[in-house]
Amino acid sequence: MTVNAAPSATATELREAMMALARQLRRHRPDNGLTISQLEILGDVSRAGVTTPAEIAARLHVRVQSLTDGINELESRGLLSRRTDDTDRRRQLIELTADGLELLLRDRAQRDGWLYETMRDHLCELEFNLLMLTAPVLRKLADAERAAQSVP
């Protein structure tokens, strides 16, 4: 692949644009009394299904100890449940509850609604369609490190 622009300038422009959009999406998140870290835990568990604190920590690139308070708070609020693994009694399994799923769905719906309305109101049809074409490309970039790690 041949790229004409300076690599750092190209990457900087894209990173700054994505971070500005991410900040706007955070601003349009409903106030549910959870921290960003707690929401990251909920989101990770919703994508992974039944999982362990160690697996969550690995995916979020944090230490298990730093998740303990967040998991405990989410469990006390009824958003996550925890149980002992039947095959290995030393392991704790974490899963999303119905209330946790409902909270995530509301959170995502509000942010998706804001994003769609903003795209519709501020982009021309060509820009809207072009942006939709970039979604899989951005996902590919986001997953590149994980894909590289899974290649033998």
N, C-alpha and C. Protein backbone atom coordinates (compact mmCIF):
# COMPACT_ATOMS: atom_id res chain seq x y z
N MET A 1 0.84 -1.18 0.00
CA MET A 1 0.00 0.00 0.00
C MET A 1 0.88 1.24 0.00
N THR A 2 0.55 2.22 -0.81
CA THR A 2 1.28 3.46 -0.89
C THR A 2 0.44 4.57 -0.26
N VAL A 3 1.04 5.28 0.69
CA VAL A 3 0.37 6.40 1.33
C VAL A 3 1.22 7.63 1.11
N ASN A 4 0.61 8.73 0.63
CA ASN A 4 1.37 9.93 0.29
C ASN A 4 1.62 10.85 1.47
N ALA A 5 0.70 10.93 2.41
CA ALA A 5 0.85 11.86 3.53
C ALA A 5 1.86 11.32 4.53
N ALA A 6 2.39 12.24 5.35
CA ALA A 6 3.30 11.82 6.42
C ALA A 6 2.55 10.92 7.38
N PRO A 7 3.12 9.77 7.73
CA PRO A 7 2.41 8.80 8.57
C PRO A 7 1.90 9.40 9.88
N SER A 8 2.72 10.18 10.55
CA SER A 8 2.29 10.70 11.84
C SER A 8 1.15 11.71 11.68
N ALA A 9 1.19 12.53 10.65
CA ALA A 9 0.13 13.52 10.44
C ALA A 9 -1.19 12.83 10.09
N THR A 10 -1.11 11.79 9.26
CA THR A 10 -2.32 11.05 8.89
C THR A 10 -2.92 10.38 10.11
N ALA A 11 -2.09 9.69 10.87
CA ALA A 11 -2.58 9.00 12.06
C ALA A 11 -3.10 9.99 13.09
N THR A 12 -2.42 11.13 13.25
CA THR A 12 -2.85 12.13 14.23
C THR A 12 -4.22 12.67 13.87
N GLU A 13 -4.43 12.99 12.61
CA GLU A 13 -5.73 13.54 12.19
C GLU A 13 -6.85 12.54 12.46
N LEU A 14 -6.64 11.28 12.11
CA LEU A 14 -7.65 10.26 12.34
C LEU A 14 -7.89 10.05 13.83
N ARG A 15 -6.81 9.93 14.61
CA ARG A 15 -6.95 9.72 16.06
C ARG A 15 -7.70 10.87 16.71
N GLU A 16 -7.35 12.09 16.36
CA GLU A 16 -8.01 13.25 16.96
C GLU A 16 -9.49 13.29 16.61
N ALA A 17 -9.83 12.96 15.37
CA ALA A 17 -11.24 12.94 14.96
C ALA A 17 -12.01 11.85 15.71
N MET A 18 -11.39 10.67 15.83
CA MET A 18 -12.08 9.57 16.53
C MET A 18 -12.23 9.88 18.02
N MET A 19 -11.22 10.50 18.61
CA MET A 19 -11.31 10.84 20.04
C MET A 19 -12.36 11.93 20.28
N ALA A 20 -12.46 12.89 19.38
CA ALA A 20 -13.48 13.94 19.53
C ALA A 20 -14.87 13.32 19.45
N LEU A 21 -15.06 12.39 18.54
CA LEU A 21 -16.35 11.71 18.43
C LEU A 21 -16.62 10.86 19.67
N ALA A 22 -15.60 10.17 20.16
CA ALA A 22 -15.76 9.35 21.37
C ALA A 22 -16.15 10.22 22.56
N ARG A 23 -15.56 11.42 22.67
CA ARG A 23 -15.95 12.34 23.76
C ARG A 23 -17.41 12.75 23.64
N GLN A 24 -17.86 13.03 22.42
CA GLN A 24 -19.27 13.40 22.22
C GLN A 24 -20.19 12.24 22.59
N LEU A 25 -19.81 11.03 22.21
CA LEU A 25 -20.63 9.86 22.55
C LEU A 25 -20.71 9.68 24.06
N ARG A 26 -19.61 9.93 24.77
CA ARG A 26 -19.64 9.83 26.24
C ARG A 26 -20.56 10.89 26.83
N ARG A 27 -20.56 12.08 26.25
CA ARG A 27 -21.42 13.16 26.76
C ARG A 27 -22.90 12.83 26.58
N HIS A 28 -23.21 12.01 25.63
CA HIS A 28 -24.61 11.66 25.36
C HIS A 28 -25.01 10.32 25.96
N ARG A 29 -24.26 9.89 26.93
CA ARG A 29 -24.55 8.65 27.66
C ARG A 29 -25.52 9.00 28.78
N PRO A 30 -26.53 8.15 29.02
CA PRO A 30 -27.46 8.44 30.12
C PRO A 30 -26.74 8.37 31.46
N ASP A 31 -27.20 9.17 32.41
CA ASP A 31 -26.60 9.16 33.75
C ASP A 31 -27.22 8.01 34.53
N ASN A 32 -26.47 6.92 34.63
CA ASN A 32 -26.96 5.75 35.34
C ASN A 32 -26.18 5.49 36.62
N GLY A 33 -25.32 6.44 37.01
CA GLY A 33 -24.57 6.31 38.24
C GLY A 33 -23.37 5.39 38.18
N LEU A 34 -23.01 4.93 36.99
CA LEU A 34 -21.86 4.03 36.84
C LEU A 34 -20.66 4.81 36.31
N THR A 35 -19.48 4.34 36.68
CA THR A 35 -18.25 4.93 36.16
C THR A 35 -17.97 4.35 34.76
N ILE A 36 -17.09 5.01 34.04
CA ILE A 36 -16.69 4.51 32.73
C ILE A 36 -16.10 3.10 32.88
N SER A 37 -15.31 2.87 33.91
CA SER A 37 -14.72 1.55 34.13
C SER A 37 -15.79 0.49 34.35
N GLN A 38 -16.81 0.82 35.12
CA GLN A 38 -17.89 -0.13 35.35
C GLN A 38 -18.66 -0.41 34.06
N LEU A 39 -18.87 0.62 33.26
CA LEU A 39 -19.54 0.41 31.97
C LEU A 39 -18.68 -0.43 31.03
N GLU A 40 -17.36 -0.25 31.09
CA GLU A 40 -16.46 -1.09 30.28
C GLU A 40 -16.58 -2.55 30.69
N ILE A 41 -16.66 -2.80 32.01
CA ILE A 41 -16.81 -4.17 32.49
C ILE A 41 -18.11 -4.76 31.99
N LEU A 42 -19.21 -4.01 32.14
CA LEU A 42 -20.51 -4.50 31.65
C LEU A 42 -20.47 -4.80 30.16
N GLY A 43 -19.91 -3.88 29.39
CA GLY A 43 -19.83 -4.07 27.94
C GLY A 43 -19.00 -5.29 27.58
N ASP A 44 -17.89 -5.47 28.27
CA ASP A 44 -17.04 -6.62 28.00
C ASP A 44 -17.77 -7.92 28.30
N VAL A 45 -18.45 -7.98 29.44
CA VAL A 45 -19.18 -9.20 29.80
C VAL A 45 -20.32 -9.45 28.82
N SER A 46 -20.95 -8.39 28.34
CA SER A 46 -22.05 -8.58 27.38
C SER A 46 -21.54 -9.17 26.07
N ARG A 47 -20.34 -8.78 25.66
CA ARG A 47 -19.76 -9.33 24.42
C ARG A 47 -19.20 -10.73 24.62
N ALA A 48 -18.63 -11.00 25.80
CA ALA A 48 -17.96 -12.27 26.04
C ALA A 48 -18.89 -13.37 26.51
N GLY A 49 -19.98 -13.00 27.15
CA GLY A 49 -20.83 -14.01 27.78
C GLY A 49 -20.26 -14.38 29.14
N VAL A 50 -20.52 -15.58 29.59
CA VAL A 50 -20.00 -16.02 30.89
C VAL A 50 -18.48 -15.99 30.84
N THR A 51 -17.86 -15.35 31.82
CA THR A 51 -16.42 -15.13 31.80
C THR A 51 -15.88 -15.08 33.21
N THR A 52 -14.59 -14.93 33.35
CA THR A 52 -13.96 -14.83 34.66
C THR A 52 -13.35 -13.44 34.82
N PRO A 53 -13.11 -13.03 36.06
CA PRO A 53 -12.42 -11.74 36.26
C PRO A 53 -11.06 -11.68 35.55
N ALA A 54 -10.32 -12.78 35.54
CA ALA A 54 -9.02 -12.80 34.86
C ALA A 54 -9.17 -12.58 33.36
N GLU A 55 -10.19 -13.18 32.77
CA GLU A 55 -10.42 -13.01 31.33
C GLU A 55 -10.85 -11.57 31.01
N ILE A 56 -11.68 -10.99 31.87
CA ILE A 56 -12.09 -9.59 31.69
C ILE A 56 -10.85 -8.70 31.75
N ALA A 57 -10.02 -8.92 32.78
CA ALA A 57 -8.80 -8.12 32.95
C ALA A 57 -7.90 -8.22 31.72
N ALA A 58 -7.75 -9.42 31.19
CA ALA A 58 -6.89 -9.60 30.01
C ALA A 58 -7.44 -8.82 28.81
N ARG A 59 -8.74 -8.90 28.61
CA ARG A 59 -9.33 -8.19 27.46
C ARG A 59 -9.27 -6.67 27.63
N LEU A 60 -9.39 -6.18 28.87
CA LEU A 60 -9.37 -4.74 29.12
C LEU A 60 -7.96 -4.22 29.40
N HIS A 61 -6.97 -5.13 29.40
CA HIS A 61 -5.57 -4.76 29.64
C HIS A 61 -5.38 -4.06 30.98
N VAL A 62 -5.96 -4.66 32.02
CA VAL A 62 -5.80 -4.16 33.38
C VAL A 62 -5.50 -5.36 34.29
N ARG A 63 -5.16 -5.07 35.53
CA ARG A 63 -4.93 -6.15 36.49
C ARG A 63 -6.26 -6.54 37.12
N VAL A 64 -6.39 -7.81 37.49
CA VAL A 64 -7.62 -8.32 38.09
C VAL A 64 -7.98 -7.50 39.33
N GLN A 65 -6.98 -7.15 40.13
CA GLN A 65 -7.22 -6.41 41.36
C GLN A 65 -7.91 -5.07 41.10
N SER A 66 -7.63 -4.47 39.97
CA SER A 66 -8.25 -3.17 39.66
C SER A 66 -9.72 -3.32 39.26
N LEU A 67 -10.17 -4.54 38.98
CA LEU A 67 -11.57 -4.78 38.61
C LEU A 67 -12.45 -5.12 39.81
N THR A 68 -11.83 -5.52 40.91
CA THR A 68 -12.57 -6.07 42.05
C THR A 68 -13.68 -5.14 42.53
N ASP A 69 -13.36 -3.88 42.79
CA ASP A 69 -14.37 -2.95 43.30
C ASP A 69 -15.49 -2.75 42.28
N GLY A 70 -15.13 -2.62 41.01
CA GLY A 70 -16.14 -2.42 39.97
C GLY A 70 -17.07 -3.62 39.85
N ILE A 71 -16.51 -4.82 39.85
CA ILE A 71 -17.33 -6.03 39.77
C ILE A 71 -18.22 -6.14 40.99
N ASN A 72 -17.65 -5.86 42.18
CA ASN A 72 -18.46 -5.93 43.41
C ASN A 72 -19.62 -4.94 43.36
N GLU A 73 -19.37 -3.73 42.89
CA GLU A 73 -20.43 -2.72 42.80
C GLU A 73 -21.51 -3.14 41.80
N LEU A 74 -21.09 -3.64 40.65
CA LEU A 74 -22.05 -4.08 39.63
C LEU A 74 -22.87 -5.26 40.14
N GLU A 75 -22.24 -6.14 40.88
CA GLU A 75 -22.98 -7.27 41.46
C GLU A 75 -23.97 -6.78 42.52
N SER A 76 -23.54 -5.84 43.36
CA SER A 76 -24.45 -5.34 44.41
C SER A 76 -25.64 -4.59 43.82
N ARG A 77 -25.47 -4.02 42.64
CA ARG A 77 -26.57 -3.32 41.96
C ARG A 77 -27.43 -4.27 41.12
N GLY A 78 -27.06 -5.55 41.10
CA GLY A 78 -27.84 -6.54 40.36
C GLY A 78 -27.61 -6.51 38.86
N LEU A 79 -26.49 -5.94 38.43
CA LEU A 79 -26.20 -5.83 37.00
C LEU A 79 -25.33 -6.98 36.49
N LEU A 80 -24.57 -7.58 37.40
CA LEU A 80 -23.76 -8.76 37.13
C LEU A 80 -24.09 -9.80 38.18
N SER A 81 -23.91 -11.06 37.83
CA SER A 81 -24.00 -12.12 38.84
C SER A 81 -22.69 -12.88 38.84
N ARG A 82 -22.40 -13.47 39.99
CA ARG A 82 -21.15 -14.21 40.15
C ARG A 82 -21.48 -15.57 40.75
N ARG A 83 -20.83 -16.60 40.22
CA ARG A 83 -21.03 -17.94 40.77
C ARG A 83 -19.73 -18.72 40.63
N THR A 84 -19.62 -19.76 41.42
CA THR A 84 -18.44 -20.62 41.38
C THR A 84 -18.55 -21.55 40.18
N ASP A 85 -17.43 -21.74 39.49
CA ASP A 85 -17.36 -22.66 38.35
C ASP A 85 -17.52 -24.09 38.87
N ASP A 86 -18.45 -24.83 38.30
CA ASP A 86 -18.70 -26.21 38.72
C ASP A 86 -17.50 -27.13 38.46
N THR A 87 -16.73 -26.84 37.42
CA THR A 87 -15.61 -27.72 37.07
C THR A 87 -14.31 -27.33 37.78
N ASP A 88 -14.20 -26.09 38.23
CA ASP A 88 -13.03 -25.63 38.96
C ASP A 88 -13.49 -24.68 40.05
N ARG A 89 -13.68 -25.18 41.24
CA ARG A 89 -14.27 -24.43 42.35
C ARG A 89 -13.46 -23.19 42.73
N ARG A 90 -12.23 -23.08 42.24
CA ARG A 90 -11.41 -21.88 42.53
C ARG A 90 -11.81 -20.70 41.66
N ARG A 91 -12.45 -20.97 40.54
CA ARG A 91 -12.80 -19.90 39.58
C ARG A 91 -14.18 -19.34 39.84
N GLN A 92 -14.28 -18.02 39.70
CA GLN A 92 -15.56 -17.34 39.77
C GLN A 92 -16.01 -17.00 38.36
N LEU A 93 -17.25 -17.30 38.04
CA LEU A 93 -17.81 -16.96 36.74
C LEU A 93 -18.69 -15.73 36.88
N ILE A 94 -18.54 -14.83 35.96
CA ILE A 94 -19.27 -13.56 35.95
C ILE A 94 -20.18 -13.56 34.72
N GLU A 95 -21.43 -13.12 34.92
CA GLU A 95 -22.31 -12.97 33.76
C GLU A 95 -23.25 -11.80 33.96
N LEU A 96 -23.73 -11.29 32.86
CA LEU A 96 -24.66 -10.17 32.84
C LEU A 96 -26.03 -10.63 33.29
N THR A 97 -26.69 -9.82 34.13
CA THR A 97 -28.07 -10.12 34.51
C THR A 97 -29.01 -9.45 33.52
N ALA A 98 -30.30 -9.74 33.65
CA ALA A 98 -31.30 -9.09 32.79
C ALA A 98 -31.28 -7.58 33.01
N ASP A 99 -31.12 -7.14 34.27
CA ASP A 99 -31.05 -5.70 34.55
C ASP A 99 -29.80 -5.08 33.93
N GLY A 100 -28.68 -5.82 33.97
CA GLY A 100 -27.45 -5.32 33.35
C GLY A 100 -27.60 -5.17 31.85
N LEU A 101 -28.23 -6.15 31.23
CA LEU A 101 -28.46 -6.08 29.79
C LEU A 101 -29.39 -4.92 29.45
N GLU A 102 -30.43 -4.74 30.24
CA GLU A 102 -31.37 -3.63 29.99
C GLU A 102 -30.66 -2.28 30.09
N LEU A 103 -29.80 -2.12 31.11
CA LEU A 103 -29.07 -0.87 31.26
C LEU A 103 -28.17 -0.63 30.05
N LEU A 104 -27.45 -1.66 29.61
CA LEU A 104 -26.58 -1.51 28.45
C LEU A 104 -27.37 -1.18 27.19
N LEU A 105 -28.50 -1.84 27.00
CA LEU A 105 -29.31 -1.57 25.80
C LEU A 105 -29.81 -0.14 25.79
N ARG A 106 -30.24 0.38 26.94
CA ARG A 106 -30.68 1.79 27.03
C ARG A 106 -29.52 2.73 26.74
N ASP A 107 -28.36 2.42 27.34
CA ASP A 107 -27.17 3.25 27.15
C ASP A 107 -26.79 3.29 25.67
N ARG A 108 -26.74 2.13 25.04
CA ARG A 108 -26.36 2.06 23.63
C ARG A 108 -27.39 2.74 22.73
N ALA A 109 -28.67 2.55 23.05
CA ALA A 109 -29.73 3.14 22.23
C ALA A 109 -29.66 4.67 22.26
N GLN A 110 -29.39 5.23 23.44
CA GLN A 110 -29.32 6.69 23.54
C GLN A 110 -28.15 7.22 22.73
N ARG A 111 -26.99 6.59 22.84
CA ARG A 111 -25.83 7.05 22.08
C ARG A 111 -26.01 6.80 20.59
N ASP A 112 -26.58 5.66 20.21
CA ASP A 112 -26.84 5.38 18.79
C ASP A 112 -27.82 6.41 18.21
N GLY A 113 -28.83 6.76 19.00
CA GLY A 113 -29.81 7.75 18.56
C GLY A 113 -29.15 9.09 18.32
N TRP A 114 -28.32 9.53 19.26
CA TRP A 114 -27.62 10.80 19.09
C TRP A 114 -26.75 10.76 17.84
N LEU A 115 -25.99 9.68 17.68
CA LEU A 115 -25.08 9.58 16.54
C LEU A 115 -25.85 9.59 15.22
N TYR A 116 -26.92 8.83 15.13
CA TYR A 116 -27.69 8.78 13.89
C TYR A 116 -28.28 10.16 13.56
N GLU A 117 -28.89 10.80 14.57
CA GLU A 117 -29.48 12.13 14.34
C GLU A 117 -28.43 13.14 13.92
N THR A 118 -27.27 13.10 14.54
CA THR A 118 -26.20 14.04 14.20
C THR A 118 -25.69 13.79 12.79
N MET A 119 -25.53 12.52 12.44
CA MET A 119 -25.11 12.19 11.07
C MET A 119 -26.16 12.67 10.06
N ARG A 120 -27.41 12.38 10.34
CA ARG A 120 -28.50 12.75 9.44
C ARG A 120 -28.60 14.27 9.28
N ASP A 121 -28.42 15.00 10.39
CA ASP A 121 -28.63 16.44 10.37
C ASP A 121 -27.42 17.24 9.88
N HIS A 122 -26.22 16.65 9.94
CA HIS A 122 -25.02 17.42 9.64
C HIS A 122 -24.17 16.88 8.49
N LEU A 123 -24.53 15.75 7.94
CA LEU A 123 -23.78 15.19 6.82
C LEU A 123 -24.64 15.17 5.57
N CYS A 124 -24.01 15.39 4.44
CA CYS A 124 -24.74 15.19 3.19
C CYS A 124 -24.86 13.69 2.95
N GLU A 125 -25.65 13.30 1.97
CA GLU A 125 -25.87 11.87 1.71
C GLU A 125 -24.57 11.15 1.40
N LEU A 126 -23.70 11.77 0.61
CA LEU A 126 -22.41 11.16 0.26
C LEU A 126 -21.56 10.95 1.51
N GLU A 127 -21.46 11.97 2.38
CA GLU A 127 -20.68 11.83 3.61
C GLU A 127 -21.26 10.75 4.52
N PHE A 128 -22.58 10.73 4.64
CA PHE A 128 -23.26 9.71 5.46
C PHE A 128 -22.90 8.31 4.96
N ASN A 129 -23.06 8.10 3.66
CA ASN A 129 -22.77 6.78 3.08
C ASN A 129 -21.29 6.42 3.17
N LEU A 130 -20.43 7.40 2.96
CA LEU A 130 -18.99 7.16 3.07
C LEU A 130 -18.62 6.77 4.50
N LEU A 131 -19.19 7.46 5.46
CA LEU A 131 -18.93 7.13 6.86
C LEU A 131 -19.39 5.71 7.18
N MET A 132 -20.55 5.32 6.66
CA MET A 132 -21.04 3.96 6.90
C MET A 132 -20.12 2.91 6.27
N LEU A 133 -19.49 3.26 5.15
CA LEU A 133 -18.55 2.33 4.52
C LEU A 133 -17.27 2.17 5.35
N THR A 134 -16.93 3.18 6.15
CA THR A 134 -15.71 3.09 6.95
C THR A 134 -15.89 2.27 8.22
N ALA A 135 -17.11 2.01 8.65
CA ALA A 135 -17.33 1.28 9.91
C ALA A 135 -16.60 -0.07 9.93
N PRO A 136 -16.72 -0.91 8.90
CA PRO A 136 -15.99 -2.18 8.95
C PRO A 136 -14.47 -2.00 8.92
N VAL A 137 -14.00 -0.94 8.28
CA VAL A 137 -12.56 -0.69 8.22
C VAL A 137 -12.06 -0.29 9.61
N LEU A 138 -12.80 0.56 10.29
CA LEU A 138 -12.43 0.95 11.65
C LEU A 138 -12.47 -0.25 12.60
N ARG A 139 -13.45 -1.12 12.42
CA ARG A 139 -13.53 -2.34 13.24
C ARG A 139 -12.30 -3.22 12.98
N LYS A 140 -11.89 -3.30 11.72
CA LYS A 140 -10.70 -4.09 11.37
C LYS A 140 -9.46 -3.53 12.08
N LEU A 141 -9.33 -2.21 12.10
CA LEU A 141 -8.22 -1.59 12.82
C LEU A 141 -8.30 -1.88 14.32
N ALA A 142 -9.50 -1.75 14.87
CA ALA A 142 -9.68 -1.98 16.31
C ALA A 142 -9.33 -3.42 16.69
N ASP A 143 -9.59 -4.36 15.80
CA ASP A 143 -9.34 -5.78 16.08
C ASP A 143 -7.98 -6.27 15.58
N ALA A 144 -7.17 -5.39 15.00
CA ALA A 144 -5.91 -5.82 14.36
C ALA A 144 -4.95 -6.47 15.35
N GLU A 145 -4.82 -5.92 16.53
CA GLU A 145 -3.88 -6.49 17.51
C GLU A 145 -4.31 -7.89 17.92
N ARG A 146 -5.59 -8.07 18.18
CA ARG A 146 -6.11 -9.39 18.57
C ARG A 146 -5.94 -10.38 17.42
N ALA A 147 -6.20 -9.93 16.19
CA ALA A 147 -6.05 -10.83 15.03
C ALA A 147 -4.59 -11.25 14.86
N ALA A 148 -3.67 -10.32 15.07
CA ALA A 148 -2.25 -10.64 14.95
C ALA A 148 -1.81 -11.63 16.02
N GLN A 149 -2.36 -11.53 17.20
CA GLN A 149 -2.00 -12.44 18.29
C GLN A 149 -2.52 -13.85 18.05
N SER A 150 -3.61 -13.98 17.31
CA SER A 150 -4.19 -15.31 17.08
C SER A 150 -3.55 -16.05 15.91
N VAL A 151 -2.72 -15.37 15.13
CA VAL A 151 -2.04 -16.01 14.00
C VAL A 151 -0.83 -16.76 14.53
N PRO A 152 -0.73 -18.08 14.21
CA PRO A 152 0.40 -18.87 14.72
C PRO A 152 1.73 -18.49 14.11
